[in-house]
């Protein structure tokens, strides 16, 4: 599975800081917006519109063009 993500890094956003969900053993959330990783599903648009991580990635993408 590691090779899959390495090959498709440009399609997934999984480098955001994560925190454990309270009371959950194996569930995590974005440290910035608090949305769980299952909901985010590697998609930038699934973070909150005000998420610091999302805003930085969108800003970086816009500055490259």
Protein backbone atom coordinates (compact mmCIF):
# COMPACT_ATOMS: atom_id res chain seq x y z
CA UNK A 1 0.00 0.00 0.00
CA UNK A 2 2.90 2.38 0.63
CA UNK A 3 3.90 2.29 -3.04
CA UNK A 4 0.34 3.17 -4.01
CA UNK A 5 0.49 6.43 -2.06
CA UNK A 6 4.00 7.22 -3.27
CA UNK A 7 2.91 6.82 -6.89
CA UNK A 8 -0.27 8.88 -6.37
CA UNK A 9 0.97 11.57 -3.95
CA UNK A 10 -0.36 14.27 -6.25
CA UNK A 11 -3.90 12.91 -5.81
CA UNK A 12 -4.05 12.59 -2.02
CA UNK A 13 -3.51 15.05 0.81
CA UNK A 14 -2.43 12.94 3.76
CA UNK A 15 0.46 15.00 5.12
CA UNK A 16 -1.64 17.07 7.54
CA UNK A 17 -1.05 16.85 11.31
CA UNK A 18 -3.47 14.48 13.02
CA UNK A 19 -4.77 14.00 16.54
CA UNK A 20 -6.60 11.04 18.07
CA UNK A 21 -10.35 11.36 18.37
CA UNK A 22 -11.41 11.42 22.02
CA UNK A 23 -12.45 8.00 23.27
CA UNK A 24 -11.41 6.25 20.05
CA UNK A 25 -8.52 3.83 19.76
CA UNK A 26 -7.74 3.97 16.04
CA UNK A 27 -9.58 7.05 14.79
CA UNK A 28 -7.89 10.35 14.03
CA UNK A 29 -8.82 13.88 13.01
CA UNK A 30 -7.12 16.84 11.37
CA UNK A 31 -5.29 18.83 14.05
CA UNK A 32 -6.43 22.09 12.44
CA UNK A 33 -10.11 21.66 11.56
CA UNK A 34 -11.03 18.62 13.67
CA UNK A 35 -12.71 16.67 10.87
CA UNK A 36 -12.08 12.94 11.11
CA UNK A 37 -9.70 11.33 8.64
CA UNK A 38 -12.34 8.93 7.29
CA UNK A 39 -14.49 11.89 6.26
CA UNK A 40 -11.49 13.74 4.79
CA UNK A 41 -10.55 10.62 2.79
CA UNK A 42 -7.38 12.21 1.41
CA UNK A 43 -9.29 15.00 -0.32
CA UNK A 44 -8.36 18.62 0.32
CA UNK A 45 -11.93 19.82 -0.24
CA UNK A 46 -13.15 17.56 2.58
CA UNK A 47 -11.29 19.69 5.15
CA UNK A 48 -13.20 22.64 6.61
CA UNK A 49 -13.17 25.69 4.28
CA UNK A 50 -11.43 27.60 7.09
CA UNK A 51 -8.90 24.83 7.87
CA UNK A 52 -5.37 26.23 8.17
CA UNK A 53 -3.92 23.19 6.35
CA UNK A 54 -6.41 23.49 3.47
CA UNK A 55 -5.88 27.24 3.11
CA UNK A 56 -2.09 26.81 3.00
CA UNK A 57 -2.28 24.03 0.37
CA UNK A 58 -4.70 26.05 -1.77
CA UNK A 59 -2.52 29.14 -1.44
CA UNK A 60 0.59 27.14 -2.39
CA UNK A 61 -1.20 25.68 -5.43
CA UNK A 62 -2.37 29.13 -6.54
CA UNK A 63 1.08 30.66 -6.16
CA UNK A 64 2.55 27.97 -8.44
CA UNK A 65 0.32 29.00 -11.34
